[in-house]
PDB file of N, CA and C in Angstrom:
ATOM      1  N   MET A   1     -16.396   2.554   0.774  1.00  0.00           N
ATOM      2  CA  MET A   1     -15.030   2.877  -0.050  1.00  0.00           C
ATOM      3  C   MET A   1     -14.877   2.085  -0.955  1.00  0.00           C
ATOM      4  N   ASN A   2     -13.748   2.891  -2.270  1.00  0.00           N
ATOM      5  CA  ASN A   2     -13.106   2.426  -3.388  1.00  0.00           C
ATOM      6  C   ASN A   2     -11.792   1.357  -2.862  1.00  0.00           C
ATOM      7  N   ARG A   3     -11.850   0.857  -4.034  1.00  0.00           N
ATOM      8  CA  ARG A   3     -10.241  -0.128  -3.257  1.00  0.00           C
ATOM      9  C   ARG A   3      -9.000   0.403  -2.822  1.00  0.00           C
ATOM     10  N   GLU A   4      -8.645   1.971  -4.017  1.00  0.00           N
ATOM     11  CA  GLU A   4      -7.850   2.630  -3.379  1.00  0.00           C
ATOM     12  C   GLU A   4      -7.676   2.921  -1.281  1.00  0.00           C
ATOM     13  N   GLU A   5      -9.117   3.001  -0.879  1.00  0.00           N
ATOM     14  CA  GLU A   5      -9.280   3.719  -0.043  1.00  0.00           C
ATOM     15  C   GLU A   5      -9.175   2.594   1.231  1.00  0.00           C
ATOM     16  N   ALA A   6      -9.763   1.160   0.481  1.00  0.00           N
ATOM     17  CA  ALA A   6      -9.935  -0.113   0.928  1.00  0.00           C
ATOM     18  C   ALA A   6      -7.852  -0.377   1.376  1.00  0.00           C
ATOM     19  N   ALA A   7      -7.528  -0.706   0.639  1.00  0.00           N
ATOM     20  CA  ALA A   7      -5.703  -0.785   0.486  1.00  0.00           C
ATOM     21  C   ALA A   7      -5.246  -0.071   2.182  1.00  0.00           C
ATOM     22  N   ARG A   8      -5.250   1.219   1.607  1.00  0.00           N
ATOM     23  CA  ARG A   8      -5.480   2.769   2.437  1.00  0.00           C
ATOM     24  C   ARG A   8      -5.521   1.876   4.030  1.00  0.00           C
ATOM     25  N   LYS A   9      -6.665   1.694   4.378  1.00  0.00           N
ATOM     26  CA  LYS A   9      -7.156   1.137   5.393  1.00  0.00           C
ATOM     27  C   LYS A   9      -6.757  -0.122   5.763  1.00  0.00           C
ATOM     28  N   LEU A  10      -5.954  -1.271   4.955  1.00  0.00           N
ATOM     29  CA  LEU A  10      -5.836  -2.484   5.445  1.00  0.00           C
ATOM     30  C   LEU A  10      -4.170  -2.739   5.900  1.00  0.00           C
ATOM     31  N   GLY A  11      -3.812  -1.157   5.037  1.00  0.00           N
ATOM     32  CA  GLY A  11      -2.301  -0.868   5.385  1.00  0.00           C
ATOM     33  C   GLY A  11      -1.584  -1.834   4.361  1.00  0.00           C
ATOM     34  N   VAL A  12      -2.045  -1.767   3.157  1.00  0.00           N
ATOM     35  CA  VAL A  12      -1.508  -2.540   1.985  1.00  0.00           C
ATOM     36  C   VAL A  12      -0.436  -1.591   1.186  1.00  0.00           C
ATOM     37  N   ASP A  13       0.865  -2.090   1.394  1.00  0.00           N
ATOM     38  CA  ASP A  13       1.638  -0.892   0.558  1.00  0.00           C
ATOM     39  C   ASP A  13       1.338  -1.136  -1.000  1.00  0.00           C
ATOM     40  N   PRO A  14       0.906  -0.927  -1.842  1.00  0.00           N
ATOM     41  CA  PRO A  14       0.821  -0.800  -3.049  1.00  0.00           C
ATOM     42  C   PRO A  14       2.254  -1.893  -4.442  1.00  0.00           C
ATOM     43  N   ALA A  15       3.247  -0.874  -3.710  1.00  0.00           N
ATOM     44  CA  ALA A  15       4.342  -1.307  -3.952  1.00  0.00           C
ATOM     45  C   ALA A  15       4.629  -2.889  -3.735  1.00  0.00           C
ATOM     46  N   SER A  16       3.833  -3.666  -3.005  1.00  0.00           N
ATOM     47  CA  SER A  16       3.880  -5.231  -2.776  1.00  0.00           C
ATOM     48  C   SER A  16       3.161  -5.658  -3.285  1.00  0.00           C
ATOM     49  N   LEU A  17       2.324  -5.069  -4.553  1.00  0.00           N
ATOM     50  CA  LEU A  17       0.948  -5.831  -4.778  1.00  0.00           C
ATOM     51  C   LEU A  17       2.093  -5.620  -7.051  1.00  0.00           C
ATOM     52  N   ALA A  18       1.730  -7.038  -6.851  1.00  0.00           N
ATOM     53  CA  ALA A  18       1.423  -7.309  -8.436  1.00  0.00           C
ATOM     54  C   ALA A  18       1.159  -6.576  -9.400  1.00  0.00           C
ATOM     55  N   PRO A  19       1.969  -5.838 -10.287  1.00  0.00           N
ATOM     56  CA  PRO A  19       1.306  -5.216 -11.593  1.00  0.00           C
ATOM     57  C   PRO A  19       0.279  -6.106 -12.313  1.00  0.00           C
ATOM     58  N   ALA A  20      -0.575  -5.453 -13.125  1.00  0.00           N
ATOM     59  CA  ALA A  20      -2.406  -5.823 -13.147  1.00  0.00           C
ATOM     60  C   ALA A  20      -2.184  -5.121 -14.551  1.00  0.00           C
ATOM     61  N   PRO A  21      -2.844  -5.024 -15.597  1.00  0.00           N
ATOM     62  CA  PRO A  21      -3.767  -4.239 -16.881  1.00  0.00           C
ATOM     63  C   PRO A  21      -4.438  -3.386 -15.936  1.00  0.00           C
ATOM     64  N   PRO A  22      -4.568  -2.109 -16.744  1.00  0.00           N
ATOM     65  CA  PRO A  22      -5.320  -1.095 -16.450  1.00  0.00           C
ATOM     66  C   PRO A  22      -7.003  -0.794 -15.830  1.00  0.00           C
ATOM     67  N   ALA A  23      -7.418  -1.810 -16.766  1.00  0.00           N
ATOM     68  CA  ALA A  23      -8.747  -2.101 -16.974  1.00  0.00           C
ATOM     69  C   ALA A  23      -9.214  -3.484 -17.490  1.00  0.00           C
ATOM     70  N   PRO A  24      -8.719  -4.531 -16.784  1.00  0.00           N
ATOM     71  CA  PRO A  24      -9.086  -5.769 -16.879  1.00  0.00           C
ATOM     72  C   PRO A  24     -10.788  -6.497 -17.439  1.00  0.00           C
ATOM     73  N   ARG A  25     -10.820  -6.660 -18.091  1.00  0.00           N
ATOM     74  CA  ARG A  25     -12.307  -7.480 -18.905  1.00  0.00           C
ATOM     75  C   ARG A  25     -12.648  -8.527 -17.389  1.00  0.00           C
ATOM     76  N   PHE A  26     -14.076  -8.548 -17.272  1.00  0.00           N
ATOM     77  CA  PHE A  26     -14.417  -9.445 -15.502  1.00  0.00           C
ATOM     78  C   PHE A  26     -13.393 -10.850 -15.937  1.00  0.00           C
ATOM     79  N   SER A  27     -13.629 -11.832 -17.587  1.00  0.00           N
ATOM     80  CA  SER A  27     -12.702 -12.332 -17.751  1.00  0.00           C
ATOM     81  C   SER A  27     -11.605 -12.829 -16.383  1.00  0.00           C
ATOM     82  N   VAL A  28     -10.995 -11.689 -17.424  1.00  0.00           N
ATOM     83  CA  VAL A  28      -9.715 -11.472 -16.641  1.00  0.00           C
ATOM     84  C   VAL A  28      -9.849 -11.890 -15.583  1.00  0.00           C
ATOM     85  N   ILE A  29     -10.675 -11.142 -13.929  1.00  0.00           N
ATOM     86  CA  ILE A  29     -10.706 -10.952 -13.145  1.00  0.00           C
ATOM     87  C   ILE A  29     -11.577 -12.178 -12.220  1.00  0.00           C
ATOM     88  N   TRP A  30     -12.257 -12.378 -13.038  1.00  0.00           N
ATOM     89  CA  TRP A  30     -12.709 -13.929 -12.549  1.00  0.00           C
ATOM     90  C   TRP A  30     -11.433 -15.114 -12.530  1.00  0.00           C
ATOM     91  N   THR A  31     -11.151 -15.032 -13.402  1.00  0.00           N
ATOM     92  CA  THR A  31      -9.325 -16.257 -13.771  1.00  0.00           C
ATOM     93  C   THR A  31      -8.772 -15.860 -12.675  1.00  0.00           C
ATOM     94  N   ARG A  32      -8.539 -14.659 -12.147  1.00  0.00           N
ATOM     95  CA  ARG A  32      -7.605 -14.905 -11.127  1.00  0.00           C
ATOM     96  C   ARG A  32      -8.501 -15.178  -9.373  1.00  0.00           C
ATOM     97  N   MET A  33      -9.454 -14.562 -10.031  1.00  0.00           N
ATOM     98  CA  MET A  33     -10.636 -15.077  -8.836  1.00  0.00           C
ATOM     99  C   MET A  33     -10.264 -16.650  -8.305  1.00  0.00           C
ATOM    100  N   GLN A  34     -10.588 -17.390  -9.892  1.00  0.00           N
ATOM    101  CA  GLN A  34     -10.681 -18.870  -9.444  1.00  0.00           C
ATOM    102  C   GLN A  34      -9.422 -19.295  -8.854  1.00  0.00           C
ATOM    103  N   GLN A  35      -8.150 -18.784  -8.945  1.00  0.00           N
ATOM    104  CA  GLN A  35      -6.691 -19.311  -8.179  1.00  0.00           C
ATOM    105  C   GLN A  35      -6.999 -18.865  -7.204  1.00  0.00           C
ATOM    106  N   GLU A  36      -7.593 -18.358  -6.528  1.00  0.00           N
ATOM    107  CA  GLU A  36      -7.403 -17.872  -5.084  1.00  0.00           C
ATOM    108  C   GLU A  36      -5.681 -16.698  -4.351  1.00  0.00           C
ATOM    109  N   PRO A  37      -5.635 -16.066  -5.056  1.00  0.00           N
ATOM    110  CA  PRO A  37      -4.082 -15.572  -4.759  1.00  0.00           C
ATOM    111  C   PRO A  37      -4.349 -15.383  -3.261  1.00  0.00           C
ATOM    112  N   PRO A  38      -3.567 -15.099  -2.119  1.00  0.00           N
ATOM    113  CA  PRO A  38      -2.946 -14.482  -1.302  1.00  0.00           C
ATOM    114  C   PRO A  38      -4.094 -13.551  -0.975  1.00  0.00           C
ATOM    115  N   CYS A  39      -4.727 -13.320   0.263  1.00  0.00           N
ATOM    116  CA  CYS A  39      -4.878 -11.498   0.027  1.00  0.00           C
ATOM    117  C   CYS A  39      -4.245 -10.895   0.857  1.00  0.00           C
ATOM    118  N   SER A  40      -4.327  -9.459  -0.428  1.00  0.00           N
ATOM    119  CA  SER A  40      -2.809  -8.825  -0.606  1.00  0.00           C
ATOM    120  C   SER A  40      -2.821  -7.798   1.380  1.00  0.00           C
ATOM    121  N   ALA A  41      -4.045  -7.759   2.160  1.00  0.00           N
ATOM    122  CA  ALA A  41      -3.594  -7.616   3.610  1.00  0.00           C
ATOM    123  C   ALA A  41      -3.164  -8.819   4.796  1.00  0.00           C
ATOM    124  N   CYS A  42      -3.396 -10.262   4.743  1.00  0.00           N
ATOM    125  CA  CYS A  42      -3.783 -10.597   5.647  1.00  0.00           C
ATOM    126  C   CYS A  42      -3.277 -12.092   4.761  1.00  0.00           C
ATOM    127  N   GLY A  43      -3.051 -11.926   3.700  1.00  0.00           N
ATOM    128  CA  GLY A  43      -2.063 -13.558   2.935  1.00  0.00           C
ATOM    129  C   GLY A  43      -2.985 -14.853   3.370  1.00  0.00           C
ATOM    130  N   GLN A  44      -4.059 -14.683   3.989  1.00  0.00           N
ATOM    131  CA  GLN A  44      -5.159 -15.618   3.706  1.00  0.00           C
ATOM    132  C   GLN A  44      -5.472 -15.865   1.967  1.00  0.00           C
ATOM    133  N   ARG A  45      -6.450 -17.012   1.844  1.00  0.00           N
ATOM    134  CA  ARG A  45      -6.908 -17.198   0.494  1.00  0.00           C
ATOM    135  C   ARG A  45      -8.094 -16.201   0.392  1.00  0.00           C
ATOM    136  N   SER A  46      -7.840 -15.581  -1.001  1.00  0.00           N
ATOM    137  CA  SER A  46      -8.893 -13.927  -1.165  1.00  0.00           C
ATOM    138  C   SER A  46      -9.535 -14.586  -2.022  1.00  0.00           C
ATOM    139  N   ARG A  47     -11.367 -14.326  -2.099  1.00  0.00           N
ATOM    140  CA  ARG A  47     -12.019 -14.716  -2.385  1.00  0.00           C
ATOM    141  C   ARG A  47     -12.605 -13.164  -3.621  1.00  0.00           C
ATOM    142  N   THR A  48     -12.029 -12.127  -3.793  1.00  0.00           N
ATOM    143  CA  THR A  48     -12.827 -11.348  -4.104  1.00  0.00           C
ATOM    144  C   THR A  48     -11.197 -10.352  -4.707  1.00  0.00           C
ATOM    145  N   SER A  49     -11.192 -10.408  -6.062  1.00  0.00           N
ATOM    146  CA  SER A  49      -9.505  -9.523  -6.949  1.00  0.00           C
ATOM    147  C   SER A  49     -10.522  -8.219  -7.539  1.00  0.00           C
ATOM    148  N   GLY A  50      -9.807  -7.223  -7.445  1.00  0.00           N
ATOM    149  CA  GLY A  50      -9.993  -6.134  -8.320  1.00  0.00           C
ATOM    150  C   GLY A  50      -8.561  -5.559  -8.359  1.00  0.00           C
ATOM    151  N   VAL A  51      -8.392  -4.599  -9.036  1.00  0.00           N
ATOM    152  CA  VAL A  51      -7.477  -3.554  -9.790  1.00  0.00           C
ATOM    153  C   VAL A  51      -6.856  -2.140  -8.862  1.00  0.00           C
ATOM    154  N   ILE A  52      -6.339  -1.823  -8.097  1.00  0.00           N
ATOM    155  CA  ILE A  52      -6.398  -0.716  -7.992  1.00  0.00           C
ATOM    156  C   ILE A  52      -5.192   0.275  -8.584  1.00  0.00           C
ATOM    157  N   HIS A  53      -5.066   1.792  -8.409  1.00  0.00           N
ATOM    158  CA  HIS A  53      -4.409   2.280  -9.661  1.00  0.00           C
ATOM    159  C   HIS A  53      -4.177   3.628  -8.572  1.00  0.00           C
ATOM    160  N   ASP A  54      -2.560   3.077  -8.252  1.00  0.00           N
ATOM    161  CA  ASP A  54      -1.282   3.939  -7.579  1.00  0.00           C
ATOM    162  C   ASP A  54      -0.945   4.670  -8.301  1.00  0.00           C
ATOM    163  N   PRO A  55      -0.691   6.004  -8.083  1.00  0.00           N
ATOM    164  CA  PRO A  55      -0.258   7.258  -9.080  1.00  0.00           C
ATOM    165  C   PRO A  55       1.311   6.908  -9.100  1.00  0.00           C
ATOM    166  N   ASP A  56       1.552   5.933  -8.420  1.00  0.00           N
ATOM    167  CA  ASP A  56       3.923   6.177  -8.196  1.00  0.00           C
ATOM    168  C   ASP A  56       3.733   4.769  -9.372  1.00  0.00           C
ATOM    169  N   HIS A  57       2.435   3.243  -8.790  1.00  0.00           N
ATOM    170  CA  HIS A  57       3.431   2.784  -9.006  1.00  0.00           C
ATOM    171  C   HIS A  57       2.639   1.538 -10.080  1.00  0.00           C
ATOM    172  N   GLY A  58       1.627   2.161 -10.740  1.00  0.00           N
ATOM    173  CA  GLY A  58       0.749   2.186 -11.585  1.00  0.00           C
ATOM    174  C   GLY A  58      -0.843   1.229 -11.408  1.00  0.00           C
ATOM    175  N   PRO A  59      -1.133   0.215 -11.858  1.00  0.00           N
ATOM    176  CA  PRO A  59      -2.112  -0.448 -11.789  1.00  0.00           C
ATOM    177  C   PRO A  59      -1.635  -1.696 -11.298  1.00  0.00           C
ATOM    178  N   ARG A  60      -2.180  -1.937  -9.898  1.00  0.00           N
ATOM    179  CA  ARG A  60      -1.190  -2.935  -9.331  1.00  0.00           C
ATOM    180  C   ARG A  60      -2.987  -4.248  -9.055  1.00  0.00           C
ATOM    181  N   TRP A  61      -2.855  -5.346  -8.584  1.00  0.00           N
ATOM    182  CA  TRP A  61      -3.755  -6.224  -8.233  1.00  0.00           C
ATOM    183  C   TRP A  61      -3.697  -5.881  -7.226  1.00  0.00           C
ATOM    184  N   PHE A  62      -5.180  -6.392  -6.078  1.00  0.00           N
ATOM    185  CA  PHE A  62      -5.462  -6.061  -5.124  1.00  0.00           C
ATOM    186  C   PHE A  62      -6.462  -6.949  -4.545  1.00  0.00           C
ATOM    187  N   ASP A  63      -5.956  -7.956  -4.213  1.00  0.00           N
ATOM    188  CA  ASP A  63      -7.421  -9.374  -3.400  1.00  0.00           C
ATOM    189  C   ASP A  63      -7.215  -9.142  -1.858  1.00  0.00           C
ATOM    190  N   ARG A  64      -8.354  -9.868  -1.673  1.00  0.00           N
ATOM    191  CA  ARG A  64      -8.748  -9.647  -0.591  1.00  0.00           C
ATOM    192  C   ARG A  64      -9.707 -10.994  -0.155  1.00  0.00           C
ATOM    193  N   CYS A  65      -9.613 -11.374   0.339  1.00  0.00           N
ATOM    194  CA  CYS A  65      -9.861 -12.572   1.571  1.00  0.00           C
ATOM    195  C   CYS A  65     -11.480 -12.090   2.017  1.00  0.00           C
ATOM    196  N   ARG A  66     -12.046 -13.058   2.349  1.00  0.00           N
ATOM    197  CA  ARG A  66     -13.949 -12.574   2.913  1.00  0.00           C
ATOM    198  C   ARG A  66     -13.995 -11.592   4.104  1.00  0.00           C
ATOM    199  N   GLU A  67     -12.783 -11.857   4.870  1.00  0.00           N
ATOM    200  CA  GLU A  67     -12.801 -11.252   6.449  1.00  0.00           C
ATOM    201  C   GLU A  67     -12.339  -9.863   6.186  1.00  0.00           C
ATOM    202  N   CYS A  68     -11.332  -9.352   5.308  1.00  0.00           N
ATOM    203  CA  CYS A  68     -10.956  -7.982   4.818  1.00  0.00           C
ATOM    204  C   CYS A  68     -11.960  -7.617   4.416  1.00  0.00           C
ATOM    205  N   PHE A  69     -12.292  -8.426   3.263  1.00  0.00           N
ATOM    206  CA  PHE A  69     -13.481  -7.368   2.330  1.00  0.00           C
ATOM    207  C   PHE A  69     -14.344  -7.148   2.941  1.00  0.00           C
ATOM    208  N   LEU A  70     -14.937  -8.151   4.477  1.00  0.00           N
ATOM    209  CA  LEU A  70     -16.265  -7.120   4.698  1.00  0.00           C
ATOM    210  C   LEU A  70     -15.852  -6.474   5.848  1.00  0.00           C
ATOM    211  N   ALA A  71     -14.169  -6.231   6.031  1.00  0.00           N
ATOM    212  CA  ALA A  71     -14.018  -4.774   7.204  1.00  0.00           C
ATOM    213  C   ALA A  71     -14.023  -3.973   6.168  1.00  0.00           C
ATOM    214  N   THR A  72     -13.982  -3.931   4.568  1.00  0.00           N
ATOM    215  CA  THR A  72     -13.454  -2.358   3.729  1.00  0.00           C
ATOM    216  C   THR A  72     -14.894  -2.529   2.623  1.00  0.00           C
ATOM    217  N   PRO A  73     -15.963  -2.695   3.134  1.00  0.00           N
ATOM    218  CA  PRO A  73     -17.007  -2.484   2.242  1.00  0.00           C
ATOM    219  C   PRO A  73     -16.996  -1.723   0.864  1.00  0.00           C
ATOM    220  N   PRO A  74     -17.659  -2.014  -0.137  1.00  0.00           N
ATOM    221  CA  PRO A  74     -17.142  -0.783  -1.150  1.00  0.00           C
ATOM    222  C   PRO A  74     -18.443  -0.163  -1.286  1.00  0.00           C
ATOM    223  N   THR A  75     -18.193   1.314  -1.280  1.00  0.00           N
ATOM    224  CA  THR A  75     -19.176   1.704  -1.696  1.00  0.00           C
ATOM    225  C   THR A  75     -20.389   1.731  -3.116  1.00  0.00           C
ATOM    226  N   LEU A  76     -21.750   1.881  -2.674  1.00  0.00           N
ATOM    227  CA  LEU A  76     -22.296   1.481  -3.857  1.00  0.00           C
ATOM    228  C   LEU A  76     -22.567   3.094  -4.727  1.00  0.00           C
ATOM    229  N   PRO A  77     -22.433   3.288  -6.120  1.00  0.00           N
ATOM    230  CA  PRO A  77     -22.404   4.583  -7.065  1.00  0.00           C
ATOM    231  C   PRO A  77     -23.853   5.291  -6.284  1.00  0.00           C
ATOM    232  N   VAL A  78     -24.498   4.738  -6.276  1.00  0.00           N
ATOM    233  CA  VAL A  78     -25.799   4.989  -6.290  1.00  0.00           C
ATOM    234  C   VAL A  78     -26.547   4.954  -4.421  1.00  0.00           C
ATOM    235  N   PRO A  79     -27.414   6.582  -3.584  1.00  0.00           N
ATOM    236  CA  PRO A  79     -27.618   5.944  -2.511  1.00  0.00           C
ATOM    237  C   PRO A  79     -28.412   4.794  -2.441  1.00  0.00           C
ATOM    238  N   PRO A  80     -27.825   4.213  -1.193  1.00  0.00           N
ATOM    239  CA  PRO A  80     -28.630   2.725  -0.632  1.00  0.00           C
ATOM    240  C   PRO A  80     -30.401   2.930  -1.148  1.00  0.00           C
ATOM    241  N   ALA A  81     -31.254   3.984  -0.658  1.00  0.00           N
ATOM    242  CA  ALA A  81     -32.281   4.076  -1.053  1.00  0.00           C
ATOM    243  C   ALA A  81     -32.594   3.681  -2.753  1.00  0.00           C
ATOM    244  N   HIS A  82     -31.861   4.632  -3.178  1.00  0.00           N
ATOM    245  CA  HIS A  82     -32.432   4.458  -5.179  1.00  0.00           C
ATOM    246  C   HIS A  82     -32.270   3.600  -5.054  1.00  0.00           C
ATOM    247  N   PHE A  83     -31.154   2.226  -5.171  1.00  0.00           N
ATOM    248  CA  PHE A  83     -30.903   0.687  -5.111  1.00  0.00           C
ATOM    249  C   PHE A  83     -31.687  -0.014  -4.640  1.00  0.00           C
ATOM    250  N   LEU A  84     -32.207   0.041  -3.583  1.00  0.00           N
ATOM    251  CA  LEU A  84     -33.397  -0.477  -3.333  1.00  0.00           C
ATOM    252  C   LEU A  84     -34.537   0.158  -3.393  1.00  0.00           C
ATOM    253  N   GLU A  85     -35.066   1.083  -4.080  1.00  0.00           N
ATOM    254  CA  GLU A  85     -36.182   1.489  -4.635  1.00  0.00           C
ATOM    255  C   GLU A  85     -36.182   0.927  -6.413  1.00  0.00           C
ATOM    256  N   GLU A  86     -35.088   0.649  -6.897  1.00  0.00           N
ATOM    257  CA  GLU A  86     -34.755   0.481  -8.171  1.00  0.00           C
ATOM    258  C   GLU A  86     -34.855  -1.763  -8.293  1.00  0.00           C
ATOM    259  N   LEU A  87     -34.339  -2.112  -7.129  1.00  0.00           N
ATOM    260  CA  LEU A  87     -34.425  -3.565  -7.034  1.00  0.00           C
ATOM    261  C   LEU A  87     -35.863  -3.814  -6.953  1.00  0.00           C
ATOM    262  N   ARG A  88     -36.503  -3.092  -6.163  1.00  0.00           N
ATOM    263  CA  ARG A  88     -38.390  -3.302  -6.032  1.00  0.00           C
ATOM    264  C   ARG A  88     -38.559  -3.010  -7.112  1.00  0.00           C
ATOM    265  N   GLU A  89     -38.402  -2.369  -8.135  1.00  0.00           N
ATOM    266  CA  GLU A  89     -39.132  -1.988  -9.321  1.00  0.00           C
ATOM    267  C   GLU A  89     -38.496  -3.494  -9.930  1.00  0.00           C
ATOM    268  N   VAL A  90     -37.409  -3.980 -10.215  1.00  0.00           N
ATOM    269  CA  VAL A  90     -36.766  -5.402 -11.014  1.00  0.00           C
ATOM    270  C   VAL A  90     -38.079  -6.408 -10.363  1.00  0.00           C
ATOM    271  N   ALA A  91     -37.731  -7.153  -9.391  1.00  0.00           N
ATOM    272  CA  ALA A  91     -38.295  -7.921  -8.218  1.00  0.00           C
ATOM    273  C   ALA A  91     -40.180  -7.803  -9.096  1.00  0.00           C
ATOM    274  N   ALA A  92     -40.355  -6.969  -8.802  1.00  0.00           N
ATOM    275  CA  ALA A  92     -42.053  -6.492  -9.374  1.00  0.00           C
ATOM    276  C   ALA A  92     -42.294  -7.197 -10.351  1.00  0.00           C
ATOM    277  N   ASP A  93     -41.076  -6.591 -11.474  1.00  0.00           N
ATOM    278  CA  ASP A  93     -41.595  -6.722 -13.359  1.00  0.00           C
ATOM    279  C   ASP A  93     -41.702  -8.180 -12.947  1.00  0.00           C
ATOM    280  N   ALA A  94     -40.551  -8.953 -12.063  1.00  0.00           N
ATOM    281  CA  ALA A  94     -40.523 -10.371 -12.275  1.00  0.00           C
ATOM    282  C   ALA A  94     -41.463 -10.835 -11.627  1.00  0.00           C
ATOM    283  N   ARG A  95     -42.299 -10.778 -11.254  1.00  0.00           N
ATOM    284  CA  ARG A  95     -42.954 -10.854 -10.029  1.00  0.00           C
ATOM    285  C   ARG A  95     -43.033 -11.832  -9.159  1.00  0.00           C
ATOM    286  N   MET A  96     -41.396 -11.360  -9.081  1.00  0.00           N
ATOM    287  CA  MET A  96     -40.413 -11.920  -7.845  1.00  0.00           C
ATOM    288  C   MET A  96     -40.967 -11.092  -6.341  1.00  0.00           C
ATOM    289  N   PRO A  97     -40.975 -12.301  -5.120  1.00  0.00           N
ATOM    290  CA  PRO A  97     -41.922 -11.704  -3.926  1.00  0.00           C
ATOM    291  C   PRO A  97     -40.107 -11.137  -3.369  1.00  0.00           C
ATOM    292  N   LEU A  98     -39.500 -10.223  -2.962  1.00  0.00           N
ATOM    293  CA  LEU A  98     -38.819  -9.438  -2.311  1.00  0.00           C
ATOM    294  C   LEU A  98     -39.137  -8.529  -0.762  1.00  0.00           C
ATOM    295  N   SER A  99     -38.552  -8.950  -0.068  1.00  0.00           N
ATOM    296  CA  SER A  99     -38.613  -8.120   1.049  1.00  0.00           C
ATOM    297  C   SER A  99     -37.122  -7.375   1.079  1.00  0.00           C
ATOM    298  N   THR A 100     -36.906  -6.271   2.179  1.00  0.00           N
ATOM    299  CA  THR A 100     -36.611  -5.319   2.448  1.00  0.00           C
ATOM    300  C   THR A 100     -36.026  -5.091   3.798  1.00  0.00           C
ATOM    301  N   TYR A 101     -34.867  -5.144   4.189  1.00  0.00           N
ATOM    302  CA  TYR A 101     -35.239  -4.077   5.539  1.00  0.00           C
ATOM    303  C   TYR A 101     -34.070  -3.385   5.421  1.00  0.00           C
ATOM    304  N   THR A 102     -33.854  -2.101   6.109  1.00  0.00           N
ATOM    305  CA  THR A 102     -32.994  -0.989   6.139  1.00  0.00           C
ATOM    306  C   THR A 102     -33.637  -0.080   7.483  1.00  0.00           C
ATOM    307  N   ASP A 103     -32.054   0.052   7.856  1.00  0.00           N
ATOM    308  CA  ASP A 103     -32.310   0.649   9.177  1.00  0.00           C
ATOM    309  C   ASP A 103     -33.087   1.796   9.143  1.00  0.00           C
ATOM    310  N   GLU A 104     -33.324   3.051   8.175  1.00  0.00           N
ATOM    311  CA  GLU A 104     -34.078   3.717   7.771  1.00  0.00           C
ATOM    312  C   GLU A 104     -35.301   3.445   7.556  1.00  0.00           C
ATOM    313  N   ASP A 105     -35.970   2.883   7.004  1.00  0.00           N
ATOM    314  CA  ASP A 105     -37.286   2.464   6.651  1.00  0.00           C
ATOM    315  C   ASP A 105     -37.757   0.876   7.554  1.00  0.00           C
ATOM    316  N   GLY A 106     -36.846   0.231   7.988  1.00  0.00           N
ATOM    317  CA  GLY A 106     -37.461  -0.251   9.101  1.00  0.00           C
ATOM    318  C   GLY A 106     -38.002  -1.687   8.080  1.00  0.00           C
ATOM    319  N   ARG A 107     -38.954  -2.690   8.277  1.00  0.00           N
ATOM    320  CA  ARG A 107     -39.260  -3.663   7.143  1.00  0.00           C
ATOM    321  C   ARG A 107     -39.896  -3.586   6.240  1.00  0.00           C
ATOM    322  N   LYS A 108     -39.933  -3.438   5.122  1.00  0.00           N
ATOM    323  CA  LYS A 108     -41.238  -3.487   3.790  1.00  0.00           C
ATOM    324  C   LYS A 108     -40.955  -4.995   3.069  1.00  0.00           C
ATOM    325  N   GLY A 109     -42.057  -5.026   2.648  1.00  0.00           N
ATOM    326  CA  GLY A 109     -42.580  -6.238   2.091  1.00  0.00           C
ATOM    327  C   GLY A 109     -43.344  -6.351   1.180  1.00  0.00           C
ATOM    328  N   GLU A 110     -42.830  -6.598  -0.555  1.00  0.00           N
ATOM    329  CA  GLU A 110     -43.480  -6.476  -1.624  1.00  0.00           C
ATOM    330  C   GLU A 110     -43.633  -7.653  -2.002  1.00  0.00           C
TER     331      GLU A 110
END
């Protein structure tokens, strides 16, 4: 799910979030993560930060602790099978041993 969907699932009101730049550079996000702001959902120290874009309130910081992040995992931009295929190719090119496991294919070692 994307960040906006995660915020809805966690019951986060975008109006309660701090304003954020529309497209912050990774260095800005990293700096915020180092500050460990409170989780937008539960108030614990956050482990990840990002920006949601709310039509009524504009860009807002959306911070999640480990538990809230795991409860709302991001969707990969490509299908998992494609991602694993590319990962296997990169590992093979780097001559790194790699074992992957998926519910669909079972255990594969390379």
